């Protein structure tokens, strides 16, 4: 058995596999695609696409998502202290790409309305979850963001947009 150097162990994440293998294997698990939105104090909307969103607790009602520490949008949303998670439908890939692209006006031409908290609810999403920021924890190269749900609604009974093995798709019922 060969003993690797400290540098080699770091490259293998101290586990015996590299980040490319980690990403490839976890890519076999499909994730939903959401846009987390907020309104900054000067009135401009801010948003980011996330594929790592989950429910956490019924009592109290909590949800979570996991922005990268390198995100430029997350610090802006965090400062606001409230946000809305918009679950995208399978026909909203163009909207997803527009919000994900870098640039100053990600919301150009995107119709939305304000939630009770003031956060943008994007038109025609499958569902939305309006939250106040409950807690933020560091987790490796990401944050764990907990949101306390204050309002939510399923807007349309449609197929959600999914991300799977590096591509976008939709869910199909088997029965």
C-alpha atoms as a PDB file:
ATOM      1  CA  UNK A   1       0.000   0.000   0.000  1.00  0.00           C
ATOM      2  CA  UNK A   2       1.337   3.435  -0.966  1.00  0.00           C
ATOM      3  CA  UNK A   3       1.081   6.262   1.572  1.00  0.00           C
ATOM      4  CA  UNK A   4       0.242   9.559  -0.085  1.00  0.00           C
ATOM      5  CA  UNK A   5       1.702  12.927   0.837  1.00  0.00           C
ATOM      6  CA  UNK A   6      -0.300  15.578   2.705  1.00  0.00           C
ATOM      7  CA  UNK A   7      -0.765  17.475  -0.558  1.00  0.00           C
ATOM      8  CA  UNK A   8      -2.106  14.391  -2.319  1.00  0.00           C
ATOM      9  CA  UNK A   9      -4.478  13.671   0.566  1.00  0.00           C
ATOM     10  CA  UNK A  10      -5.833  17.226   0.344  1.00  0.00           C
ATOM     11  CA  UNK A  11      -6.458  16.780  -3.385  1.00  0.00           C
ATOM     12  CA  UNK A  12      -8.347  13.600  -2.548  1.00  0.00           C
ATOM     13  CA  UNK A  13     -10.329  15.363   0.210  1.00  0.00           C
ATOM     14  CA  UNK A  14      -8.756  13.097   2.850  1.00  0.00           C
ATOM     15  CA  UNK A  15     -11.164  10.367   1.690  1.00  0.00           C
ATOM     16  CA  UNK A  16      -9.567   8.489  -1.172  1.00  0.00           C
ATOM     17  CA  UNK A  17     -11.617  10.160  -3.932  1.00  0.00           C
ATOM     18  CA  UNK A  18     -11.351  13.473  -5.718  1.00  0.00           C
ATOM     19  CA  UNK A  19     -13.902  16.259  -6.158  1.00  0.00           C
ATOM     20  CA  UNK A  20     -14.663  15.194  -9.748  1.00  0.00           C
ATOM     21  CA  UNK A  21     -15.670  11.724  -8.514  1.00  0.00           C
ATOM     22  CA  UNK A  22     -17.735  13.262  -5.705  1.00  0.00           C
ATOM     23  CA  UNK A  23     -19.574  15.506  -8.182  1.00  0.00           C
ATOM     24  CA  UNK A  24     -20.093  12.676 -10.713  1.00  0.00           C
ATOM     25  CA  UNK A  25     -21.546  10.242  -8.164  1.00  0.00           C
ATOM     26  CA  UNK A  26     -23.808  12.797  -6.472  1.00  0.00           C
ATOM     27  CA  UNK A  27     -24.962  13.891  -9.920  1.00  0.00           C
ATOM     28  CA  UNK A  28     -26.953  10.645  -9.996  1.00  0.00           C
ATOM     29  CA  UNK A  29     -29.346  12.187  -7.482  1.00  0.00           C
ATOM     30  CA  UNK A  30     -31.782  14.606  -9.181  1.00  0.00           C
ATOM     31  CA  UNK A  31     -32.492  17.942  -7.548  1.00  0.00           C
ATOM     32  CA  UNK A  32     -35.234  20.479  -8.008  1.00  0.00           C
ATOM     33  CA  UNK A  33     -34.350  23.921  -9.310  1.00  0.00           C
ATOM     34  CA  UNK A  34     -35.373  27.014  -7.355  1.00  0.00           C
ATOM     35  CA  UNK A  35     -34.739  30.727  -7.492  1.00  0.00           C
ATOM     36  CA  UNK A  36     -34.208  32.426  -4.133  1.00  0.00           C
ATOM     37  CA  UNK A  37     -35.250  36.084  -4.324  1.00  0.00           C
ATOM     38  CA  UNK A  38     -35.208  39.201  -2.146  1.00  0.00           C
ATOM     39  CA  UNK A  39     -35.592  42.959  -2.499  1.00  0.00           C
ATOM     40  CA  UNK A  40     -32.606  45.039  -1.472  1.00  0.00           C
ATOM     41  CA  UNK A  41     -33.140  48.183   0.650  1.00  0.00           C
ATOM     42  CA  UNK A  42     -32.790  50.427  -2.418  1.00  0.00           C
ATOM     43  CA  UNK A  43     -35.634  48.475  -4.112  1.00  0.00           C
ATOM     44  CA  UNK A  44     -33.723  46.304  -6.578  1.00  0.00           C
ATOM     45  CA  UNK A  45     -34.564  42.607  -6.806  1.00  0.00           C
ATOM     46  CA  UNK A  46     -31.764  40.101  -6.245  1.00  0.00           C
ATOM     47  CA  UNK A  47     -31.928  36.399  -7.012  1.00  0.00           C
ATOM     48  CA  UNK A  48     -29.909  33.235  -7.240  1.00  0.00           C
ATOM     49  CA  UNK A  49     -30.558  29.764  -8.652  1.00  0.00           C
ATOM     50  CA  UNK A  50     -30.216  26.899  -6.171  1.00  0.00           C
ATOM     51  CA  UNK A  51     -30.432  23.173  -6.693  1.00  0.00           C
ATOM     52  CA  UNK A  52     -29.939  22.353  -3.046  1.00  0.00           C
ATOM     53  CA  UNK A  53     -33.224  23.107  -1.321  1.00  0.00           C
ATOM     54  CA  UNK A  54     -35.045  20.980   1.243  1.00  0.00           C
ATOM     55  CA  UNK A  55     -37.686  21.021   3.935  1.00  0.00           C
ATOM     56  CA  UNK A  56     -36.240  20.749   7.435  1.00  0.00           C
ATOM     57  CA  UNK A  57     -38.949  20.947  10.103  1.00  0.00           C
ATOM     58  CA  UNK A  58     -42.728  21.131  10.473  1.00  0.00           C
ATOM     59  CA  UNK A  59     -42.642  22.692  13.954  1.00  0.00           C
ATOM     60  CA  UNK A  60     -41.373  25.301  13.537  1.00  0.00           C
ATOM     61  CA  UNK A  61     -41.743  25.343   9.742  1.00  0.00           C
ATOM     62  CA  UNK A  62     -38.173  25.515   8.422  1.00  0.00           C
ATOM     63  CA  UNK A  63     -36.567  25.049   5.005  1.00  0.00           C
ATOM     64  CA  UNK A  64     -32.916  25.114   3.964  1.00  0.00           C
ATOM     65  CA  UNK A  65     -30.711  25.800   0.980  1.00  0.00           C
ATOM     66  CA  UNK A  66     -26.952  25.741   0.548  1.00  0.00           C
ATOM     67  CA  UNK A  67     -25.313  28.679  -1.288  1.00  0.00           C
ATOM     68  CA  UNK A  68     -21.625  28.542  -2.150  1.00  0.00           C
ATOM     69  CA  UNK A  69     -19.380  30.825  -0.136  1.00  0.00           C
ATOM     70  CA  UNK A  70     -18.229  32.218  -3.491  1.00  0.00           C
ATOM     71  CA  UNK A  71     -21.760  33.387  -4.384  1.00  0.00           C
ATOM     72  CA  UNK A  72     -22.061  37.109  -5.047  1.00  0.00           C
ATOM     73  CA  UNK A  73     -25.864  37.047  -4.672  1.00  0.00           C
ATOM     74  CA  UNK A  74     -26.106  35.275  -1.313  1.00  0.00           C
ATOM     75  CA  UNK A  75     -24.485  38.058   0.784  1.00  0.00           C
ATOM     76  CA  UNK A  76     -26.971  40.535  -0.716  1.00  0.00           C
ATOM     77  CA  UNK A  77     -29.930  38.290   0.151  1.00  0.00           C
ATOM     78  CA  UNK A  78     -28.537  37.586   3.627  1.00  0.00           C
ATOM     79  CA  UNK A  79     -28.367  41.339   4.390  1.00  0.00           C
ATOM     80  CA  UNK A  80     -32.094  41.657   3.645  1.00  0.00           C
ATOM     81  CA  UNK A  81     -32.949  38.967   6.222  1.00  0.00           C
ATOM     82  CA  UNK A  82     -35.907  37.564   4.296  1.00  0.00           C
ATOM     83  CA  UNK A  83     -36.332  35.759   0.992  1.00  0.00           C
ATOM     84  CA  UNK A  84     -38.711  33.781  -1.181  1.00  0.00           C
ATOM     85  CA  UNK A  85     -37.913  30.364  -2.644  1.00  0.00           C
ATOM     86  CA  UNK A  86     -39.534  30.013  -6.076  1.00  0.00           C
ATOM     87  CA  UNK A  87     -39.809  26.413  -7.334  1.00  0.00           C
ATOM     88  CA  UNK A  88     -39.419  26.517 -11.097  1.00  0.00           C
ATOM     89  CA  UNK A  89     -41.580  24.607 -13.572  1.00  0.00           C
ATOM     90  CA  UNK A  90     -40.057  22.505 -16.339  1.00  0.00           C
ATOM     91  CA  UNK A  91     -40.965  25.192 -18.912  1.00  0.00           C
ATOM     92  CA  UNK A  92     -38.949  27.864 -17.040  1.00  0.00           C
ATOM     93  CA  UNK A  93     -35.440  26.881 -18.116  1.00  0.00           C
ATOM     94  CA  UNK A  94     -34.893  30.232 -19.874  1.00  0.00           C
ATOM     95  CA  UNK A  95     -35.834  32.060 -16.662  1.00  0.00           C
ATOM     96  CA  UNK A  96     -33.426  29.818 -14.730  1.00  0.00           C
ATOM     97  CA  UNK A  97     -30.574  30.604 -17.102  1.00  0.00           C
ATOM     98  CA  UNK A  98     -31.316  34.335 -17.008  1.00  0.00           C
ATOM     99  CA  UNK A  99     -31.186  34.476 -13.194  1.00  0.00           C
ATOM    100  CA  UNK A 100     -28.072  32.242 -13.116  1.00  0.00           C
ATOM    101  CA  UNK A 101     -26.147  34.421 -15.585  1.00  0.00           C
ATOM    102  CA  UNK A 102     -23.897  37.138 -14.201  1.00  0.00           C
ATOM    103  CA  UNK A 103     -25.014  40.675 -14.811  1.00  0.00           C
ATOM    104  CA  UNK A 104     -26.613  43.684 -13.208  1.00  0.00           C
ATOM    105  CA  UNK A 105     -30.212  43.203 -14.369  1.00  0.00           C
ATOM    106  CA  UNK A 106     -31.106  39.545 -13.946  1.00  0.00           C
ATOM    107  CA  UNK A 107     -34.787  40.457 -13.607  1.00  0.00           C
ATOM    108  CA  UNK A 108     -35.177  42.275 -16.950  1.00  0.00           C
ATOM    109  CA  UNK A 109     -38.485  41.150 -18.434  1.00  0.00           C
ATOM    110  CA  UNK A 110     -39.217  38.699 -15.597  1.00  0.00           C
ATOM    111  CA  UNK A 111     -42.716  39.236 -14.228  1.00  0.00           C
ATOM    112  CA  UNK A 112     -43.096  39.022 -10.471  1.00  0.00           C
ATOM    113  CA  UNK A 113     -45.124  40.327  -7.557  1.00  0.00           C
ATOM    114  CA  UNK A 114     -44.231  41.049  -3.959  1.00  0.00           C
ATOM    115  CA  UNK A 115     -44.850  38.526  -1.201  1.00  0.00           C
ATOM    116  CA  UNK A 116     -46.182  39.702   2.172  1.00  0.00           C
ATOM    117  CA  UNK A 117     -42.513  39.904   3.212  1.00  0.00           C
ATOM    118  CA  UNK A 118     -41.727  42.014   0.147  1.00  0.00           C
ATOM    119  CA  UNK A 119     -39.719  39.359  -1.693  1.00  0.00           C
ATOM    120  CA  UNK A 120     -40.322  38.665  -5.396  1.00  0.00           C
ATOM    121  CA  UNK A 121     -42.673  35.803  -6.223  1.00  0.00           C
ATOM    122  CA  UNK A 122     -41.899  34.937  -9.830  1.00  0.00           C
ATOM    123  CA  UNK A 123     -44.906  34.505 -12.130  1.00  0.00           C
ATOM    124  CA  UNK A 124     -45.962  30.975 -13.099  1.00  0.00           C
ATOM    125  CA  UNK A 125     -43.738  29.088 -10.646  1.00  0.00           C
ATOM    126  CA  UNK A 126     -44.871  25.684  -9.401  1.00  0.00           C
ATOM    127  CA  UNK A 127     -44.823  26.932  -5.808  1.00  0.00           C
ATOM    128  CA  UNK A 128     -43.270  29.600  -3.592  1.00  0.00           C
ATOM    129  CA  UNK A 129     -42.139  29.652   0.028  1.00  0.00           C
ATOM    130  CA  UNK A 130     -41.741  33.039   1.746  1.00  0.00           C
ATOM    131  CA  UNK A 131     -39.236  33.039   4.615  1.00  0.00           C
ATOM    132  CA  UNK A 132     -37.393  35.059   7.191  1.00  0.00           C
ATOM    133  CA  UNK A 133     -33.753  34.222   7.765  1.00  0.00           C
ATOM    134  CA  UNK A 134     -33.526  31.943  10.803  1.00  0.00           C
ATOM    135  CA  UNK A 135     -29.841  30.897  10.857  1.00  0.00           C
ATOM    136  CA  UNK A 136     -26.731  30.546   8.713  1.00  0.00           C
ATOM    137  CA  UNK A 137     -24.069  27.901   9.388  1.00  0.00           C
ATOM    138  CA  UNK A 138     -20.743  27.339   7.669  1.00  0.00           C
ATOM    139  CA  UNK A 139     -20.333  23.972   5.970  1.00  0.00           C
ATOM    140  CA  UNK A 140     -17.135  23.497   3.991  1.00  0.00           C
ATOM    141  CA  UNK A 141     -17.214  25.678   0.889  1.00  0.00           C
ATOM    142  CA  UNK A 142     -20.939  26.408   1.361  1.00  0.00           C
ATOM    143  CA  UNK A 143     -23.339  27.872   3.911  1.00  0.00           C
ATOM    144  CA  UNK A 144     -26.377  26.109   5.351  1.00  0.00           C
ATOM    145  CA  UNK A 145     -29.195  28.660   5.313  1.00  0.00           C
ATOM    146  CA  UNK A 146     -32.282  28.003   7.416  1.00  0.00           C
ATOM    147  CA  UNK A 147     -35.424  29.933   6.562  1.00  0.00           C
ATOM    148  CA  UNK A 148     -38.476  30.181   8.805  1.00  0.00           C
ATOM    149  CA  UNK A 149     -41.543  29.839   6.579  1.00  0.00           C
ATOM    150  CA  UNK A 150     -44.086  32.641   6.971  1.00  0.00           C
ATOM    151  CA  UNK A 151     -46.247  31.912   3.902  1.00  0.00           C
ATOM    152  CA  UNK A 152     -46.328  29.448   1.028  1.00  0.00           C
ATOM    153  CA  UNK A 153     -48.499  28.380  -1.868  1.00  0.00           C
ATOM    154  CA  UNK A 154     -48.589  25.869  -4.703  1.00  0.00           C
ATOM    155  CA  UNK A 155     -49.361  27.997  -7.765  1.00  0.00           C
ATOM    156  CA  UNK A 156     -49.762  25.454 -10.535  1.00  0.00           C
ATOM    157  CA  UNK A 157     -49.909  21.657 -10.636  1.00  0.00           C
ATOM    158  CA  UNK A 158     -47.080  21.354 -13.097  1.00  0.00           C
ATOM    159  CA  UNK A 159     -43.878  19.411 -13.444  1.00  0.00           C
ATOM    160  CA  UNK A 160     -40.903  20.979 -11.652  1.00  0.00           C
ATOM    161  CA  UNK A 161     -37.630  21.737 -13.386  1.00  0.00           C
ATOM    162  CA  UNK A 162     -35.008  19.165 -12.359  1.00  0.00           C
ATOM    163  CA  UNK A 163     -31.221  19.034 -12.585  1.00  0.00           C
ATOM    164  CA  UNK A 164     -29.713  15.585 -13.173  1.00  0.00           C
ATOM    165  CA  UNK A 165     -26.216  14.547 -14.276  1.00  0.00           C
ATOM    166  CA  UNK A 166     -25.352  18.021 -15.497  1.00  0.00           C
ATOM    167  CA  UNK A 167     -28.547  18.581 -17.503  1.00  0.00           C
ATOM    168  CA  UNK A 168     -32.029  19.954 -16.971  1.00  0.00           C
ATOM    169  CA  UNK A 169     -35.173  17.879 -17.343  1.00  0.00           C
ATOM    170  CA  UNK A 170     -38.590  17.174 -15.924  1.00  0.00           C
ATOM    171  CA  UNK A 171     -40.309  14.562 -13.811  1.00  0.00           C
ATOM    172  CA  UNK A 172     -42.572  11.955 -15.337  1.00  0.00           C
ATOM    173  CA  UNK A 173     -45.021   9.884 -13.292  1.00  0.00           C
ATOM    174  CA  UNK A 174     -44.753   6.120 -13.601  1.00  0.00           C
ATOM    175  CA  UNK A 175     -48.290   5.247 -12.562  1.00  0.00           C
END
